Protein backbone atom coordinates (compact mmCIF):
# COMPACT_ATOMS: atom_id res chain seq x y z
CA MET A 1 -66.15 -115.24 59.82
CA ASN A 2 -64.92 -118.90 59.26
CA THR A 3 -62.44 -120.83 61.33
CA GLN A 4 -59.45 -120.24 58.96
CA GLN A 5 -60.10 -116.36 58.92
CA GLN A 6 -60.34 -116.46 62.77
CA SER A 7 -57.04 -118.29 62.98
CA LEU A 8 -55.32 -115.87 60.59
CA LEU A 9 -56.60 -113.00 62.58
CA LYS A 10 -55.45 -114.52 65.83
CA TYR A 11 -51.88 -114.94 64.45
CA SER A 12 -51.71 -111.51 62.91
CA ARG A 13 -52.36 -109.73 66.18
CA PHE A 14 -49.34 -108.16 67.94
CA LYS A 15 -48.17 -109.96 71.09
CA PRO A 16 -47.67 -107.76 74.17
CA TRP A 17 -43.93 -108.25 74.04
CA GLU A 18 -43.39 -107.18 70.40
CA PRO A 19 -43.81 -103.34 70.99
CA VAL A 20 -41.40 -103.68 73.93
CA LEU A 21 -38.84 -105.41 71.70
CA TRP A 22 -38.94 -102.71 69.08
CA LEU A 23 -38.81 -99.89 71.70
CA LEU A 24 -35.65 -101.46 73.17
CA ALA A 25 -34.06 -101.84 69.70
CA PHE A 26 -34.64 -98.20 68.89
CA ALA A 27 -33.41 -97.03 72.46
CA ALA A 28 -30.25 -99.21 72.07
CA PRO A 29 -28.23 -96.45 70.12
CA VAL A 30 -29.01 -93.98 72.84
CA LEU A 31 -28.41 -96.32 75.76
CA SER A 32 -25.17 -97.61 74.18
CA PRO A 33 -23.90 -95.05 71.62
CA SER A 34 -20.51 -96.77 71.40
CA HIS A 35 -22.23 -99.83 69.94
CA ALA A 36 -24.24 -97.90 67.32
CA LEU A 37 -22.21 -99.44 64.45
CA ILE A 38 -22.77 -102.99 65.61
CA ILE A 39 -26.48 -102.24 66.06
CA ASN A 40 -26.54 -101.00 62.49
CA GLU A 41 -24.84 -104.28 61.23
CA ILE A 42 -27.36 -106.41 63.23
CA ALA A 43 -30.41 -104.52 61.75
CA ILE A 44 -29.04 -105.04 58.16
CA VAL A 45 -28.23 -108.68 58.67
CA ALA A 46 -31.59 -109.22 60.35
CA LEU A 47 -33.31 -107.73 57.31
CA PHE A 48 -31.36 -109.99 55.03
CA ALA A 49 -32.19 -113.09 57.08
CA VAL A 50 -35.90 -112.18 57.23
CA SER A 51 -35.95 -111.98 53.33
CA LEU A 52 -34.46 -115.49 53.12
CA ASP A 53 -36.79 -116.91 55.72
CA LEU A 54 -39.70 -115.66 53.54
CA ILE A 55 -38.76 -118.11 50.77
CA LEU A 56 -37.08 -120.81 52.96
CA GLY A 57 -39.20 -121.04 56.17
CA TYR A 58 -42.65 -120.03 54.60
CA THR A 59 -42.31 -121.54 51.03
CA GLY A 60 -39.70 -124.24 51.40
CA ILE A 61 -37.34 -122.91 48.68
CA VAL A 62 -33.70 -123.48 49.48
CA SER A 63 -31.32 -120.93 48.15
CA LEU A 64 -27.44 -120.61 48.22
CA GLY A 65 -27.42 -117.55 46.08
CA HIS A 66 -29.45 -115.07 48.10
CA ALA A 67 -26.43 -112.85 48.18
CA ALA A 68 -27.06 -112.05 44.43
CA PHE A 69 -29.96 -109.85 45.41
CA PHE A 70 -28.06 -108.37 48.50
CA GLY A 71 -25.08 -107.54 46.28
CA LEU A 72 -27.20 -106.01 43.35
CA GLY A 73 -29.17 -103.88 45.73
CA GLY A 74 -25.92 -102.65 47.33
CA TYR A 75 -24.15 -101.89 44.18
CA ALA A 76 -27.26 -100.17 42.59
CA ALA A 77 -27.67 -97.86 45.56
CA ALA A 78 -23.91 -97.05 45.72
CA LEU A 79 -23.66 -96.32 42.00
CA PHE A 80 -26.88 -94.08 42.10
CA ALA A 81 -25.27 -92.15 45.08
CA LYS A 82 -22.03 -91.62 43.19
CA LEU A 83 -23.30 -91.07 39.68
CA VAL A 84 -26.85 -89.51 40.05
CA MET A 85 -27.72 -88.17 43.38
CA PRO A 86 -26.79 -88.87 47.09
CA ASP A 87 -30.16 -88.88 48.61
CA PRO A 88 -30.42 -92.05 50.78
CA LEU A 89 -34.13 -92.82 50.49
CA VAL A 90 -34.20 -92.57 46.71
CA GLY A 91 -30.98 -94.70 46.53
CA LEU A 92 -32.77 -97.22 48.73
CA ALA A 93 -35.69 -97.25 46.42
CA VAL A 94 -33.28 -97.82 43.44
CA GLY A 95 -31.55 -100.80 45.23
CA ILE A 96 -34.91 -102.35 46.01
CA GLY A 97 -36.04 -101.88 42.46
CA ALA A 98 -32.96 -103.43 40.88
CA ALA A 99 -33.09 -106.48 43.23
CA THR A 100 -36.75 -106.83 42.64
CA LEU A 101 -36.25 -106.95 38.88
CA LEU A 102 -33.59 -109.59 39.22
CA GLY A 103 -35.77 -111.59 41.55
CA ALA A 104 -38.56 -111.51 38.96
CA ALA A 105 -36.28 -112.69 36.27
CA CYS A 106 -34.86 -115.42 38.43
CA SER A 107 -38.28 -116.60 39.80
CA PHE A 108 -38.83 -118.69 36.71
CA THR A 109 -35.76 -120.81 37.64
CA ILE A 110 -37.18 -122.12 40.95
CA MET A 111 -40.40 -123.37 39.57
CA ARG A 112 -39.09 -126.60 38.17
CA GLY A 113 -36.66 -129.26 39.31
CA SER A 114 -35.64 -130.55 42.65
CA ASP A 115 -34.20 -128.76 45.68
CA LEU A 116 -30.70 -129.79 44.43
CA THR A 117 -31.45 -128.02 41.12
CA ARG A 118 -32.62 -124.90 42.78
CA LEU A 119 -29.48 -124.83 44.97
CA MET A 120 -27.21 -124.96 41.93
CA VAL A 121 -29.25 -122.46 39.94
CA THR A 122 -29.43 -119.93 42.76
CA LEU A 123 -25.64 -120.41 43.50
CA GLY A 124 -24.93 -119.99 39.79
CA VAL A 125 -26.75 -116.63 39.52
CA GLY A 126 -24.77 -115.34 42.51
CA LEU A 127 -21.40 -116.45 40.90
CA ILE A 128 -22.44 -114.85 37.61
CA LEU A 129 -23.03 -111.49 39.21
CA LEU A 130 -19.85 -111.75 41.18
CA GLU A 131 -17.92 -112.22 38.13
CA LEU A 132 -19.64 -109.41 36.22
CA ALA A 133 -18.89 -107.08 39.08
CA ASN A 134 -15.29 -108.05 38.97
CA LYS A 135 -14.89 -107.64 35.20
CA LEU A 136 -16.76 -104.31 34.88
CA ASP A 137 -14.07 -102.52 36.86
CA TRP A 138 -14.69 -99.25 34.94
CA LEU A 139 -18.09 -99.19 36.50
CA THR A 140 -17.92 -101.14 39.75
CA GLY A 141 -14.29 -100.64 40.67
CA GLY A 142 -13.67 -104.36 40.22
CA ALA A 143 -11.54 -106.02 43.01
CA ASP A 144 -10.73 -102.61 44.56
CA GLY A 145 -14.42 -101.97 45.17
CA LEU A 146 -16.53 -98.88 44.51
CA GLN A 147 -15.05 -96.13 46.57
CA GLY A 148 -15.97 -92.51 47.17
CA VAL A 149 -19.66 -93.22 47.87
CA VAL A 150 -20.86 -90.15 49.86
CA MET A 151 -24.36 -90.15 51.07
CA GLY A 152 -26.34 -86.94 51.60
CA PRO A 153 -28.17 -86.17 54.79
CA LEU A 154 -31.20 -88.35 55.68
CA LEU A 155 -34.39 -86.38 55.09
CA GLY A 156 -32.15 -83.44 54.25
CA GLN A 157 -31.37 -83.04 58.14
CA PHE A 158 -29.58 -85.96 59.68
CA GLU A 159 -25.91 -86.40 58.51
CA PHE A 160 -24.24 -89.85 58.62
CA ASP A 161 -21.67 -89.55 61.37
CA LEU A 162 -18.71 -91.68 62.07
CA TYR A 163 -20.25 -93.00 65.38
CA GLY A 164 -23.03 -94.62 63.36
CA ARG A 165 -26.07 -93.37 65.29
CA THR A 166 -27.91 -91.93 62.25
CA ALA A 167 -27.00 -95.16 60.28
CA ALA A 168 -28.32 -97.30 63.13
CA TYR A 169 -31.68 -95.49 63.24
CA TYR A 170 -32.03 -95.46 59.43
CA SER A 171 -31.39 -99.30 59.23
CA LEU A 172 -33.75 -99.97 62.23
CA THR A 173 -36.51 -97.87 60.72
CA VAL A 174 -36.23 -99.68 57.30
CA LEU A 175 -36.15 -103.11 59.09
CA LEU A 176 -39.15 -102.32 61.12
CA ALA A 177 -41.19 -101.05 58.09
CA LEU A 178 -40.38 -104.04 55.86
CA PHE A 179 -40.80 -106.47 58.78
CA LEU A 180 -44.30 -105.14 59.36
CA LEU A 181 -44.94 -105.59 55.65
CA LEU A 182 -43.76 -109.14 55.46
CA ARG A 183 -45.60 -109.90 58.86
CA ARG A 184 -48.80 -108.70 57.11
CA VAL A 185 -48.05 -110.87 54.07
CA VAL A 186 -47.25 -114.16 55.97
CA HIS A 187 -50.42 -113.85 58.14
CA SER A 188 -52.78 -113.21 55.16
CA PRO A 189 -54.62 -115.68 52.97
CA PHE A 190 -51.75 -115.35 50.51
CA GLY A 191 -49.25 -116.44 53.32
CA ALA A 192 -51.47 -119.44 54.10
CA THR A 193 -51.10 -120.54 50.50
CA LEU A 194 -47.35 -120.25 50.71
CA LYS A 195 -47.39 -122.63 53.75
CA ALA A 196 -49.59 -125.09 51.84
CA ILE A 197 -47.14 -125.11 48.97
CA ARG A 198 -44.29 -125.61 51.49
CA ASP A 199 -45.99 -128.48 53.08
CA ASN A 200 -47.16 -130.26 49.99
CA ARG A 201 -46.89 -128.70 46.51
CA LEU A 202 -48.86 -131.29 44.67
CA ARG A 203 -51.85 -131.09 47.14
CA ALA A 204 -51.76 -127.28 46.89
CA MET A 205 -52.02 -127.73 43.04
CA ALA A 206 -54.80 -130.15 43.52
CA ILE A 207 -56.97 -127.65 45.52
CA GLY A 208 -56.43 -124.89 43.01
CA ILE A 209 -53.63 -122.79 44.37
CA PRO A 210 -51.64 -121.22 41.49
CA VAL A 211 -48.39 -122.56 42.72
CA ASN A 212 -46.05 -121.00 40.02
CA ALA A 213 -47.59 -117.66 40.33
CA ARG A 214 -47.21 -117.75 44.15
CA LEU A 215 -43.61 -118.79 43.93
CA ALA A 216 -42.82 -116.04 41.54
CA VAL A 217 -44.36 -113.39 43.63
CA VAL A 218 -42.78 -114.52 46.96
CA TYR A 219 -39.41 -114.94 45.40
CA THR A 220 -39.57 -111.50 43.82
CA LEU A 221 -40.62 -109.95 47.14
CA ALA A 222 -37.85 -111.70 49.04
CA ALA A 223 -35.34 -110.51 46.48
CA GLY A 224 -36.45 -106.89 46.90
CA VAL A 225 -36.11 -107.06 50.76
CA ALA A 226 -32.72 -108.57 50.35
CA GLY A 227 -31.77 -105.72 47.96
CA ALA A 228 -32.87 -103.28 50.64
CA ALA A 229 -30.41 -104.91 53.06
CA GLY A 230 -27.66 -104.57 50.56
CA ALA A 231 -28.58 -101.02 49.80
CA LEU A 232 -28.48 -100.12 53.57
CA LEU A 233 -25.02 -101.67 54.00
CA THR A 234 -23.41 -99.72 51.23
CA GLN A 235 -25.19 -96.53 52.07
CA THR A 236 -24.13 -96.72 55.79
CA THR A 237 -20.52 -97.76 55.08
CA GLY A 238 -19.93 -95.66 51.97
CA PHE A 239 -18.28 -98.67 50.15
CA ALA A 240 -19.34 -101.48 47.87
CA SER A 241 -17.06 -104.41 47.14
CA LEU A 242 -17.17 -107.83 45.65
CA ASP A 243 -17.66 -109.23 49.05
CA LEU A 244 -21.39 -108.37 48.76
CA PHE A 245 -21.73 -111.21 46.23
CA GLU A 246 -19.47 -113.74 47.97
CA PHE A 247 -20.77 -117.17 48.88
CA HIS A 248 -20.18 -116.60 52.62
CA ARG A 249 -22.90 -114.05 52.61
CA SER A 250 -25.55 -116.71 51.53
CA ALA A 251 -23.95 -119.23 53.97
CA ASP A 252 -23.89 -116.82 56.90
CA VAL A 253 -27.55 -115.97 56.48
CA LEU A 254 -28.43 -119.74 56.40
CA LEU A 255 -26.56 -120.16 59.63
CA ILE A 256 -28.48 -117.23 61.16
CA LEU A 257 -31.80 -118.97 60.35
CA VAL A 258 -30.32 -122.21 61.81
CA ILE A 259 -29.74 -120.25 64.96
CA GLY A 260 -33.03 -118.30 65.13
CA GLY A 261 -35.31 -120.79 63.43
CA THR A 262 -37.24 -120.74 60.14
CA GLY A 263 -40.89 -120.15 59.58
CA TRP A 264 -40.93 -117.45 62.13
CA LEU A 265 -39.93 -113.94 61.07
CA TYR A 266 -38.46 -113.20 64.50
CA GLY A 267 -36.08 -116.13 63.92
CA GLY A 268 -34.14 -114.05 61.47
CA VAL A 269 -33.92 -111.15 63.94
CA ALA A 270 -33.03 -113.26 66.87
CA GLY A 271 -30.52 -115.31 64.89
CA ALA A 272 -28.78 -112.09 63.60
CA ILE A 273 -28.48 -110.73 67.15
CA VAL A 274 -26.89 -113.88 68.42
CA PHE A 275 -24.61 -114.40 65.30
CA LYS A 276 -23.40 -110.85 65.06
CA LEU A 277 -22.71 -110.53 68.84
CA MET A 278 -20.95 -113.89 69.00
CA GLN A 279 -18.87 -112.97 65.88
CA ASP A 280 -17.96 -109.60 67.38
CA LEU A 281 -17.08 -111.03 70.83
CA LEU A 282 -15.16 -114.13 69.59
CA SER A 283 -13.20 -112.31 66.96
CA SER A 284 -12.08 -109.79 69.65
CA ILE A 285 -10.91 -112.67 71.86
CA THR A 286 -9.50 -115.11 69.34
CA PRO A 287 -9.18 -113.26 65.92
CA GLN A 288 -7.95 -116.36 64.21
CA TYR A 289 -10.19 -118.97 65.65
CA TRP A 290 -13.60 -117.33 66.05
CA THR A 291 -15.12 -119.38 63.17
CA PHE A 292 -14.15 -122.54 65.19
CA TRP A 293 -16.25 -121.41 68.25
CA ILE A 294 -19.20 -120.51 66.07
CA GLY A 295 -18.99 -123.83 64.35
CA LEU A 296 -18.86 -125.59 67.70
CA PHE A 297 -21.93 -123.62 68.93
CA LEU A 298 -23.87 -124.74 65.71
CA VAL A 299 -23.00 -128.26 66.31
CA VAL A 300 -24.22 -128.15 69.93
CA LEU A 301 -27.32 -126.32 68.69
CA VAL A 302 -28.11 -129.07 66.30
CA LEU A 303 -27.25 -131.88 68.61
CA VAL A 304 -29.12 -130.61 71.71
CA GLY A 305 -31.92 -128.85 69.94
CA ARG A 306 -32.72 -125.15 69.76
CA GLU A 307 -35.99 -125.73 71.51
CA ARG A 308 -34.34 -127.14 74.58
CA LEU A 309 -31.75 -124.31 74.76
CA ILE A 310 -34.41 -121.52 74.46
CA ARG A 311 -37.34 -123.24 76.11
CA PRO A 312 -37.65 -120.62 79.03
CA TRP A 313 -38.28 -117.95 76.41
CA THR A 314 -40.42 -119.73 73.82
CA TRP A 315 -43.65 -118.92 75.53
CA PHE A 316 -43.15 -115.28 74.48
CA ALA A 317 -43.41 -116.20 70.85
CA ARG A 318 -46.15 -118.93 71.21
CA GLY A 319 -48.51 -118.73 68.33
CA ASP A 320 -46.34 -116.64 65.98
CA LYS A 321 -44.59 -119.49 64.37
CA ALA A 322 -45.70 -120.81 60.90
């Protein structure tokens, strides 16, 4: 076994704190049943952030239209439940499939041009889908949203209740499954080539890495995971609206990665926890000005530095960052 393989094996091993973290996450709906709905939201947003980190943190692709995949996955799952069958797992697969196909089609747009070009192209795709969802009101409900989405019981046994406990466990389970998949990807030889492309694309091409093929695969994979997050949102809320495609979705997930850090899958999870809890707390205290306080927090975070603010806890994640 060469040095590179030993390094990949070292990073792929689970740290002692990781199982504890996930056990606490799954215990949270039981320990605090009144917060099951916010736990469900955090799990969905975390999955969305992890999908963006796969292309931003590990490959260096900046996107302002990641909400396109999120929204398409959400609408596909909701339409499937309303028009075909209400099974949540089949609907989730449909949402993932629809977003994956869109990601495969859009992957060709990020292979050429500068970062600014990619920003505009990804933003344009999101705006196109937003307008389509608005105009096809006979199918999507238009500005009124797609209403009357009723999900069947999960695994034929667990009904989605108003308290959100089933929804929380459903979203947490999907988050864990896809997180483990992406963790395996980024700590594989394939993941090492992504980091090489991120650091220097020309050098990666010079040593024989098929850059365009790698970009297409990772972009498609990230789109599918974002579609899963969108599908979870519409399935657990029973509603799909144009808000799924709105620009603020893409902006919020970028802010989450600013908070949690890029090139580290747990950064998306940590950022989602901090962002959603701050949003929930501040909006209850100052409903009109909560965005001001989040903006102030981000300014302080950038000026002071994330590492200084979280230095007491960084040793837990040592060796897991890309």
